[in-house]
Amino acid sequence: MVPTLVITEAAYLIGTRLGAEAEVRFLGDFAEGLFEVESVHPADWLRIAQLVARYRDWPLGTADASVVAAAERLNITRVATVDRRHFSAVRPKHVDAFELLP
């Protein structure tokens, strides 16, 4: 599951670090249905705001906070991320800590 708010951030990072061809392949993966896209639910917005406020000193941005909010709502405990520093410190409501991949 990929929250919609993460797609733009990931596409930007892929495009700037790996080039346009990699970004096109990434977007094509969504077109092929290889990833499930999770919309932001109305209640997620408040939780996202709470997380951004709580971790404002890092900062934990909206995209990362949307991952936490969706994971809490869907009872997901494993998160794939390259941002281990932030996600290892976040304390979700439903588990003591996320299992980080890879």
Protein backbone atom coordinates (compact mmCIF):
# COMPACT_ATOMS: atom_id res chain seq x y z
CA MET A 1 0.00 0.00 0.00
CA VAL A 2 1.31 3.41 -0.95
CA PRO A 3 -0.41 6.52 0.42
CA THR A 4 -1.22 9.01 -2.33
CA LEU A 5 0.80 11.75 -0.63
CA VAL A 6 3.94 9.61 -0.87
CA ILE A 7 3.75 9.05 -4.62
CA THR A 8 4.66 12.61 -5.59
CA GLU A 9 7.52 12.78 -3.10
CA ALA A 10 8.88 9.41 -4.24
CA ALA A 11 8.54 10.31 -7.92
CA TYR A 12 10.44 13.54 -7.33
CA LEU A 13 13.26 11.77 -5.49
CA ILE A 14 13.49 9.04 -8.11
CA GLY A 15 13.50 11.59 -10.92
CA THR A 16 16.15 13.83 -9.37
CA ARG A 17 18.42 11.02 -8.20
CA LEU A 18 17.94 8.32 -10.81
CA GLY A 19 16.64 10.25 -13.80
CA ALA A 20 13.47 10.63 -15.80
CA GLU A 21 13.55 7.08 -17.16
CA ALA A 22 13.42 5.62 -13.64
CA GLU A 23 10.61 7.99 -12.73
CA VAL A 24 8.63 6.90 -15.79
CA ARG A 25 9.10 3.22 -14.83
CA PHE A 26 7.97 4.00 -11.26
CA LEU A 27 4.80 5.67 -12.53
CA GLY A 28 4.23 2.82 -14.97
CA ASP A 29 4.25 0.39 -12.04
CA PHE A 30 1.17 2.18 -10.69
CA ALA A 31 -0.50 2.04 -14.10
CA GLU A 32 0.09 -1.72 -14.15
CA GLY A 33 -1.44 -2.12 -10.70
CA LEU A 34 1.76 -3.30 -9.03
CA PHE A 35 1.10 -1.04 -6.03
CA GLU A 36 -2.11 -0.49 -4.13
CA VAL A 37 -2.76 3.24 -3.72
CA GLU A 38 -4.30 4.32 -0.42
CA SER A 39 -6.24 7.57 -0.37
CA VAL A 40 -6.12 9.91 2.59
CA HIS A 41 -9.29 9.41 4.62
CA PRO A 42 -10.93 12.41 6.29
CA ALA A 43 -9.86 11.29 9.79
CA ASP A 44 -6.28 10.84 8.55
CA TRP A 45 -5.87 14.59 8.06
CA LEU A 46 -6.21 15.29 11.78
CA ARG A 47 -3.80 12.48 12.63
CA ILE A 48 -1.32 13.73 10.02
CA ALA A 49 -1.50 17.21 11.57
CA GLN A 50 -0.98 15.75 15.06
CA LEU A 51 2.10 13.83 13.92
CA VAL A 52 3.61 16.81 12.08
CA ALA A 53 3.10 18.92 15.22
CA ARG A 54 4.46 16.28 17.58
CA TYR A 55 7.61 15.64 15.53
CA ARG A 56 8.06 19.22 14.27
CA ASP A 57 11.70 19.38 15.39
CA TRP A 58 12.85 16.71 12.87
CA PRO A 59 10.69 17.60 10.85
CA LEU A 60 8.34 14.73 10.09
CA GLY A 61 6.64 15.92 6.92
CA THR A 62 3.14 15.42 5.65
CA ALA A 63 4.05 12.51 3.36
CA ASP A 64 5.74 10.51 6.13
CA ALA A 65 2.95 11.34 8.56
CA SER A 66 0.43 10.05 6.01
CA VAL A 67 2.23 6.71 6.04
CA VAL A 68 1.87 6.52 9.81
CA ALA A 69 -1.79 7.56 9.73
CA ALA A 70 -2.68 5.00 7.05
CA ALA A 71 -0.71 2.26 8.80
CA GLU A 72 -2.52 2.94 12.05
CA ARG A 73 -5.92 2.91 10.35
CA LEU A 74 -5.17 -0.30 8.44
CA ASN A 75 -3.29 -1.98 11.30
CA ILE A 76 -0.11 -2.26 9.22
CA THR A 77 3.06 -2.89 11.20
CA ARG A 78 5.71 -3.16 8.45
CA VAL A 79 6.89 -0.04 6.59
CA ALA A 80 9.26 0.08 3.62
CA THR A 81 11.38 3.21 3.86
CA VAL A 82 14.80 4.67 3.24
CA ASP A 83 14.14 7.10 6.10
CA ARG A 84 14.95 4.75 8.97
CA ARG A 85 15.88 7.61 11.30
CA HIS A 86 12.39 9.11 11.33
CA PHE A 87 10.37 5.93 11.16
CA SER A 88 12.36 4.21 13.90
CA ALA A 89 11.60 7.07 16.28
CA VAL A 90 7.88 7.50 15.49
CA ARG A 91 5.59 5.81 17.98
CA PRO A 92 2.42 4.67 16.23
CA LYS A 93 -0.78 4.16 18.20
CA HIS A 94 -1.28 0.50 17.31
CA VAL A 95 2.20 -0.99 17.93
CA ASP A 96 5.29 -0.09 19.94
CA ALA A 97 7.29 0.49 16.76
CA PHE A 98 7.17 -0.25 13.05
CA GLU A 99 9.11 -3.11 11.54
CA LEU A 100 11.22 -1.30 8.95
CA LEU A 101 12.03 -2.76 5.56
CA PRO A 102 14.49 -3.32 3.95
